[in-house]
Amino acid sequence: MIRFFIGRLAQAIPVIFIVITATFFMVRAAPGGPFDAEKTLPPEVIERLNERYNLDAALHEQYFDYLKHIAQGDFGPSFRYTNRTVTEMIAAGLPITFELAIYAMIVALVIGISAGMIAAIKPNSPQDYIPMSLAMTGICMPSFLLGPILVLIFGIGFQWLPVSGWGYSPGDKILPSITLGSTYAAYIARLTRGGMLEVLAQDYIRTAKAKGLATRSIIFRHALRGGLSPVVAFLGPAIAGLLAGSFVVETIFQIPGLGRFYVQAAFNRDYTMILGTTILLSCLIVLLNMLSDMLAVWLNPRLATSQQEQ
């Protein structure tokens, strides 16, 4: 396990470095600048601002200076929010985004695993076709379409749930969590079905059936752990995708999370905020992928041997 972890870590470091480098130069290559405004600022003001934020230096000097600050854990000041650093803004928005991702993952796991198990018990039957058809619908429907539909039905039509805000009441979290988690529930349902079908075809399952064990006992005591291996491997990318995909949902439901800061930074060309958020999310994606791989190896140690041979 330790060798497996070290190997994954050795792969992760170059990935993070490439992401930082690519994002830095892509942001600088975009047209416009962080101090562009409808009302043109005097040239001397622009010059002082560029000097203050080191934008008057050569591009390669800005790049190496930024790497030096990143190594010290400093994401720099925000260009658009006076007297606020990127670290402070991330600290304010990340807990809300992470909370939303957790609720969405709970929705995805409960719906996805339940639907996948139901479909796997009787394959190629209506009990299989109906949940898998709904899962395919969930995969095909993006969050920017599902969110407004849920708002129209449950928020405006029936007036059961709030349509915006976060933290004012428990109902604030229901529609955003369902919107964000539905797509991943669909993927988890299909992965659970495939994993369960593979396990249920094994000889030891046939032996358990021959001994007269109840179907519920076979499913939960013998088949579920092995059947969920594909889901476990998917959890890392799924949680990372929920964190990154929350940007659209936070905008739809007016949630004050990290996603809204990132969207505003993109419109305002806030270089440091864009870079800081991208680096943080990249590190989270790499970390979560590593953790999911390690959990999958713990469930099935043969995976570590096969990956080392590759």
Protein backbone atom coordinates (compact mmCIF):
# COMPACT_ATOMS: atom_id res chain seq x y z
CA MET A 1 0.00 0.00 0.00
CA ILE A 2 2.85 2.41 0.82
CA ARG A 3 4.52 1.81 -2.54
CA PHE A 4 1.17 2.34 -4.24
CA PHE A 5 0.70 5.66 -2.42
CA ILE A 6 4.23 6.86 -3.25
CA GLY A 7 3.69 6.00 -6.90
CA ARG A 8 0.44 7.95 -7.01
CA LEU A 9 2.08 10.92 -5.26
CA ALA A 10 4.96 10.92 -7.77
CA GLN A 11 2.39 11.13 -10.57
CA ALA A 12 0.40 13.88 -8.86
CA ILE A 13 3.18 16.44 -8.42
CA PRO A 14 3.88 16.96 -12.15
CA VAL A 15 0.15 17.16 -12.83
CA ILE A 16 -0.29 20.00 -10.32
CA PHE A 17 2.73 21.83 -11.76
CA ILE A 18 1.35 21.55 -15.31
CA VAL A 19 -2.06 22.83 -14.18
CA ILE A 20 -0.47 25.87 -12.47
CA THR A 21 1.67 26.67 -15.49
CA ALA A 22 -1.10 26.21 -18.07
CA THR A 23 -3.61 28.23 -16.06
CA PHE A 24 -1.17 31.08 -15.44
CA PHE A 25 -0.34 31.61 -19.11
CA MET A 26 -3.89 31.01 -20.35
CA VAL A 27 -5.26 33.64 -17.97
CA ARG A 28 -2.62 36.13 -19.07
CA ALA A 29 -3.34 35.36 -22.75
CA ALA A 30 -7.05 36.22 -22.39
CA PRO A 31 -8.03 39.63 -23.83
CA GLY A 32 -8.46 42.49 -21.40
CA GLY A 33 -7.05 43.01 -17.96
CA PRO A 34 -8.15 43.09 -14.32
CA PHE A 35 -8.46 46.87 -14.27
CA ASP A 36 -10.49 47.31 -17.44
CA ALA A 37 -13.72 49.15 -16.69
CA GLU A 38 -16.51 50.96 -18.49
CA LYS A 39 -14.99 54.26 -17.39
CA THR A 40 -11.40 54.49 -18.53
CA LEU A 41 -8.96 55.07 -15.67
CA PRO A 42 -6.21 57.70 -16.02
CA PRO A 43 -2.92 56.25 -17.31
CA GLU A 44 -1.06 57.15 -14.12
CA VAL A 45 -3.61 55.21 -12.03
CA ILE A 46 -3.27 52.15 -14.28
CA GLU A 47 0.50 52.42 -13.98
CA ARG A 48 0.38 52.52 -10.18
CA LEU A 49 -2.00 49.55 -10.06
CA ASN A 50 0.20 47.49 -12.37
CA GLU A 51 3.22 48.36 -10.25
CA ARG A 52 1.41 47.43 -7.03
CA TYR A 53 0.39 44.00 -8.33
CA ASN A 54 3.66 43.37 -10.22
CA LEU A 55 1.86 43.38 -13.58
CA ASP A 56 4.45 45.72 -15.06
CA ALA A 57 7.16 43.03 -14.85
CA ALA A 58 8.01 40.66 -17.69
CA LEU A 59 5.69 37.68 -18.00
CA HIS A 60 8.31 35.11 -17.04
CA GLU A 61 9.23 37.20 -13.97
CA GLN A 62 5.56 37.29 -12.94
CA TYR A 63 5.39 33.52 -13.38
CA PHE A 64 8.41 32.70 -11.21
CA ASP A 65 7.32 35.26 -8.61
CA TYR A 66 3.90 33.59 -8.45
CA LEU A 67 5.49 30.14 -8.06
CA LYS A 68 7.55 31.49 -5.16
CA HIS A 69 4.44 32.77 -3.41
CA ILE A 70 2.54 29.53 -4.07
CA ALA A 71 5.37 27.55 -2.48
CA GLN A 72 4.85 29.70 0.63
CA GLY A 73 1.08 29.06 0.63
CA ASP A 74 0.25 32.60 -0.49
CA PHE A 75 -2.31 32.94 -3.30
CA GLY A 76 -1.89 36.71 -3.33
CA PRO A 77 -4.40 39.58 -3.07
CA SER A 78 -7.60 39.77 -5.07
CA PHE A 79 -7.44 42.31 -7.89
CA ARG A 80 -11.13 43.18 -7.66
CA TYR A 81 -11.94 42.95 -3.94
CA THR A 82 -10.05 45.63 -2.03
CA ASN A 83 -8.20 44.56 1.11
CA ARG A 84 -9.15 40.89 0.67
CA THR A 85 -6.76 38.09 -0.15
CA VAL A 86 -7.60 35.08 -2.29
CA THR A 87 -6.98 32.82 0.70
CA GLU A 88 -9.61 34.71 2.74
CA MET A 89 -12.16 34.44 -0.06
CA ILE A 90 -11.49 30.73 -0.52
CA ALA A 91 -11.81 30.18 3.23
CA ALA A 92 -15.19 31.94 3.15
CA GLY A 93 -16.62 30.10 0.15
CA LEU A 94 -15.08 26.61 0.27
CA PRO A 95 -16.96 25.31 3.37
CA ILE A 96 -20.30 26.13 1.73
CA THR A 97 -19.28 24.50 -1.56
CA PHE A 98 -17.97 21.45 0.30
CA GLU A 99 -21.19 21.19 2.33
CA LEU A 100 -23.23 21.29 -0.87
CA ALA A 101 -21.02 18.59 -2.40
CA ILE A 102 -21.51 16.34 0.65
CA TYR A 103 -25.29 16.65 0.50
CA ALA A 104 -25.25 16.02 -3.23
CA MET A 105 -23.06 12.93 -2.77
CA ILE A 106 -25.46 11.57 -0.14
CA VAL A 107 -28.33 12.02 -2.62
CA ALA A 108 -26.29 10.35 -5.36
CA LEU A 109 -25.25 7.36 -3.21
CA VAL A 110 -28.69 6.69 -1.75
CA ILE A 111 -30.51 6.92 -5.08
CA GLY A 112 -27.77 5.37 -7.20
CA ILE A 113 -26.94 2.33 -5.06
CA SER A 114 -30.62 1.58 -4.41
CA ALA A 115 -31.52 1.79 -8.11
CA GLY A 116 -28.50 -0.26 -9.16
CA MET A 117 -29.23 -3.03 -6.65
CA ILE A 118 -32.89 -3.20 -7.66
CA ALA A 119 -31.91 -3.46 -11.34
CA ALA A 120 -29.26 -6.12 -10.72
CA ILE A 121 -31.54 -8.49 -8.80
CA LYS A 122 -33.72 -9.15 -11.86
CA PRO A 123 -31.74 -8.21 -14.99
CA ASN A 124 -33.48 -7.77 -18.35
CA SER A 125 -36.85 -7.26 -16.73
CA PRO A 126 -39.05 -4.20 -16.08
CA GLN A 127 -37.39 -4.01 -12.65
CA ASP A 128 -34.13 -3.48 -14.53
CA TYR A 129 -35.30 -1.37 -17.46
CA ILE A 130 -37.19 1.30 -15.51
CA PRO A 131 -34.43 2.45 -13.11
CA MET A 132 -31.77 2.21 -15.84
CA SER A 133 -33.89 4.30 -18.19
CA LEU A 134 -34.26 6.91 -15.46
CA ALA A 135 -30.51 6.74 -14.90
CA MET A 136 -29.84 7.42 -18.57
CA THR A 137 -32.23 10.38 -18.38
CA GLY A 138 -30.30 11.70 -15.40
CA ILE A 139 -27.01 11.41 -17.29
CA CYS A 140 -28.40 13.26 -20.29
CA MET A 141 -30.00 16.12 -18.32
CA PRO A 142 -27.47 18.81 -17.29
CA SER A 143 -27.77 20.65 -14.00
CA PHE A 144 -28.43 24.01 -15.65
CA LEU A 145 -31.60 22.47 -17.11
CA LEU A 146 -32.69 20.33 -14.15
CA GLY A 147 -32.26 23.16 -11.63
CA PRO A 148 -34.74 25.59 -13.21
CA ILE A 149 -37.23 22.74 -13.76
CA LEU A 150 -37.13 21.83 -10.06
CA VAL A 151 -37.46 25.50 -9.14
CA LEU A 152 -40.53 25.90 -11.37
CA ILE A 153 -42.20 22.76 -10.02
CA PHE A 154 -41.37 22.70 -6.30
CA GLY A 155 -40.46 26.34 -5.68
CA ILE A 156 -42.85 28.39 -7.79
CA GLY A 157 -45.58 25.87 -8.63
CA PHE A 158 -46.20 24.05 -5.32
CA GLN A 159 -44.24 26.58 -3.22
CA TRP A 160 -42.90 23.76 -1.06
CA LEU A 161 -39.22 24.70 -1.07
CA PRO A 162 -37.10 27.89 -1.21
CA VAL A 163 -35.59 28.69 -4.59
CA SER A 164 -32.48 30.59 -3.43
CA GLY A 165 -30.20 31.21 -0.48
CA TRP A 166 -28.27 28.93 1.85
CA GLY A 167 -28.46 28.33 5.58
CA TYR A 168 -31.70 30.15 6.32
CA SER A 169 -33.67 26.89 6.69
CA PRO A 170 -33.05 23.17 6.04
CA GLY A 171 -35.22 23.42 2.94
CA ASP A 172 -32.60 25.64 1.27
CA LYS A 173 -30.38 22.62 0.74
CA ILE A 174 -32.86 20.21 -0.85
CA LEU A 175 -33.22 21.52 -4.41
CA PRO A 176 -29.51 22.37 -4.91
CA SER A 177 -28.45 18.96 -3.56
CA ILE A 178 -30.85 17.07 -5.82
CA THR A 179 -29.85 19.18 -8.82
CA LEU A 180 -26.15 18.59 -8.28
CA GLY A 181 -26.39 14.95 -7.22
CA SER A 182 -28.82 13.61 -9.83
CA THR A 183 -26.28 13.15 -12.61
CA TYR A 184 -23.88 11.30 -10.31
CA ALA A 185 -26.75 9.18 -8.95
CA ALA A 186 -27.32 8.01 -12.51
CA TYR A 187 -23.66 7.04 -12.98
CA ILE A 188 -23.57 5.28 -9.62
CA ALA A 189 -26.73 3.34 -10.49
CA ARG A 190 -25.18 2.00 -13.67
CA LEU A 191 -21.87 1.19 -11.95
CA THR A 192 -23.66 -0.56 -9.09
CA ARG A 193 -25.73 -2.63 -11.50
CA GLY A 194 -22.66 -3.69 -13.50
CA GLY A 195 -20.64 -4.55 -10.39
CA MET A 196 -23.49 -6.46 -8.78
CA LEU A 197 -24.18 -8.48 -11.93
CA GLU A 198 -20.51 -9.46 -12.14
CA VAL A 199 -20.43 -10.57 -8.50
CA LEU A 200 -23.77 -12.37 -8.64
CA ALA A 201 -22.40 -14.53 -11.47
CA GLN A 202 -19.53 -15.82 -9.30
CA ASP A 203 -19.37 -19.43 -8.10
CA TYR A 204 -19.53 -18.58 -4.40
CA ILE A 205 -22.85 -16.79 -4.97
CA ARG A 206 -24.22 -19.89 -6.70
CA THR A 207 -23.05 -21.92 -3.71
CA ALA A 208 -24.84 -19.56 -1.32
CA LYS A 209 -28.03 -19.89 -3.35
CA ALA A 210 -27.68 -23.70 -3.39
CA LYS A 211 -27.45 -23.68 0.42
CA GLY A 212 -30.83 -21.96 0.53
CA LEU A 213 -29.72 -18.56 1.81
CA ALA A 214 -32.28 -15.80 1.46
CA THR A 215 -31.85 -13.34 -1.39
CA ARG A 216 -31.50 -10.44 1.04
CA SER A 217 -28.68 -12.21 2.89
CA ILE A 218 -26.88 -13.02 -0.36
CA ILE A 219 -27.12 -9.43 -1.58
CA PHE A 220 -26.09 -7.63 1.61
CA ARG A 221 -23.68 -10.13 3.18
CA HIS A 222 -21.93 -11.59 0.13
CA ALA A 223 -22.44 -9.55 -3.04
CA LEU A 224 -22.64 -5.93 -1.96
CA ARG A 225 -19.00 -5.37 -0.98
CA GLY A 226 -17.59 -6.69 -4.24
CA GLY A 227 -20.37 -5.13 -6.29
CA LEU A 228 -19.61 -1.67 -4.95
CA SER A 229 -15.94 -1.75 -5.99
CA PRO A 230 -16.63 0.24 -9.21
CA VAL A 231 -18.58 2.78 -7.17
CA VAL A 232 -15.72 3.19 -4.70
CA ALA A 233 -13.28 3.81 -7.55
CA PHE A 234 -15.69 6.42 -8.89
CA LEU A 235 -16.09 8.31 -5.60
CA GLY A 236 -12.88 10.34 -5.91
CA PRO A 237 -13.63 11.74 -9.38
CA ALA A 238 -17.29 12.12 -8.40
CA ILE A 239 -16.61 14.27 -5.32
CA ALA A 240 -14.11 16.33 -7.29
CA GLY A 241 -16.69 16.73 -10.04
CA LEU A 242 -19.29 17.81 -7.50
CA LEU A 243 -16.95 20.49 -6.16
CA ALA A 244 -16.16 21.77 -9.65
CA GLY A 245 -19.71 21.34 -10.95
CA SER A 246 -21.23 23.26 -8.07
CA PHE A 247 -20.40 26.53 -9.85
CA VAL A 248 -23.49 26.34 -12.05
CA VAL A 249 -25.76 25.21 -9.21
CA GLU A 250 -24.49 27.93 -6.88
CA THR A 251 -25.25 30.51 -9.56
CA ILE A 252 -28.78 29.15 -10.17
CA PHE A 253 -29.72 29.03 -6.48
CA GLN A 254 -27.71 32.10 -5.38
CA ILE A 255 -25.52 30.12 -2.97
CA PRO A 256 -22.56 32.14 -1.57
CA GLY A 257 -19.98 29.43 -2.19
CA LEU A 258 -16.64 29.26 -3.92
CA GLY A 259 -18.29 28.77 -7.30
CA ARG A 260 -19.83 32.24 -7.32
CA PHE A 261 -16.47 33.82 -6.50
CA TYR A 262 -14.90 31.88 -9.36
CA VAL A 263 -17.57 32.91 -11.88
CA GLN A 264 -17.27 36.56 -10.84
CA ALA A 265 -13.48 36.32 -11.05
CA ALA A 266 -13.73 35.04 -14.62
CA PHE A 267 -15.90 38.00 -15.63
CA ASN A 268 -13.72 40.48 -13.73
CA ARG A 269 -10.42 38.94 -14.96
CA ASP A 270 -9.29 38.57 -11.35
CA TYR A 271 -6.10 36.66 -12.16
CA THR A 272 -5.15 35.65 -8.64
CA MET A 273 -8.65 34.46 -7.73
CA ILE A 274 -8.89 32.35 -10.89
CA LEU A 275 -5.47 30.84 -10.29
CA GLY A 276 -6.03 30.21 -6.59
CA THR A 277 -9.38 28.49 -7.12
CA THR A 278 -8.07 26.41 -10.02
CA ILE A 279 -5.02 25.27 -8.06
CA LEU A 280 -7.12 24.38 -5.02
CA LEU A 281 -9.63 22.37 -7.05
CA SER A 282 -6.83 20.62 -8.94
CA CYS A 283 -5.18 19.57 -5.68
CA LEU A 284 -8.52 18.34 -4.35
CA ILE A 285 -9.18 16.35 -7.52
CA VAL A 286 -5.75 14.69 -7.35
CA LEU A 287 -6.10 14.00 -3.62
CA LEU A 288 -9.58 12.53 -3.92
CA ASN A 289 -8.52 10.35 -6.84
CA MET A 290 -5.63 9.04 -4.76
CA LEU A 291 -7.90 8.29 -1.80
CA SER A 292 -10.46 6.50 -3.97
CA ASP A 293 -7.71 4.41 -5.60
CA MET A 294 -6.35 3.47 -2.18
CA LEU A 295 -9.82 2.53 -0.93
CA ALA A 296 -10.39 0.42 -4.05
CA VAL A 297 -7.06 -1.33 -3.46
CA TRP A 298 -8.04 -1.96 0.16
CA LEU A 299 -11.26 -3.61 -1.01
CA ASN A 300 -9.45 -5.57 -3.74
CA PRO A 301 -5.66 -5.88 -3.10
CA ARG A 302 -5.15 -7.49 -6.50
CA LEU A 303 -5.65 -4.06 -8.11
CA ALA A 304 -2.34 -2.78 -6.69
CA THR A 305 -0.42 -5.72 -8.18
CA SER A 306 -2.05 -5.39 -11.59
CA GLN A 307 -1.44 -1.61 -11.75
CA GLN A 308 2.21 -1.99 -10.74
CA GLU A 309 2.68 -4.56 -13.51
CA GLN A 310 1.25 -2.09 -16.02
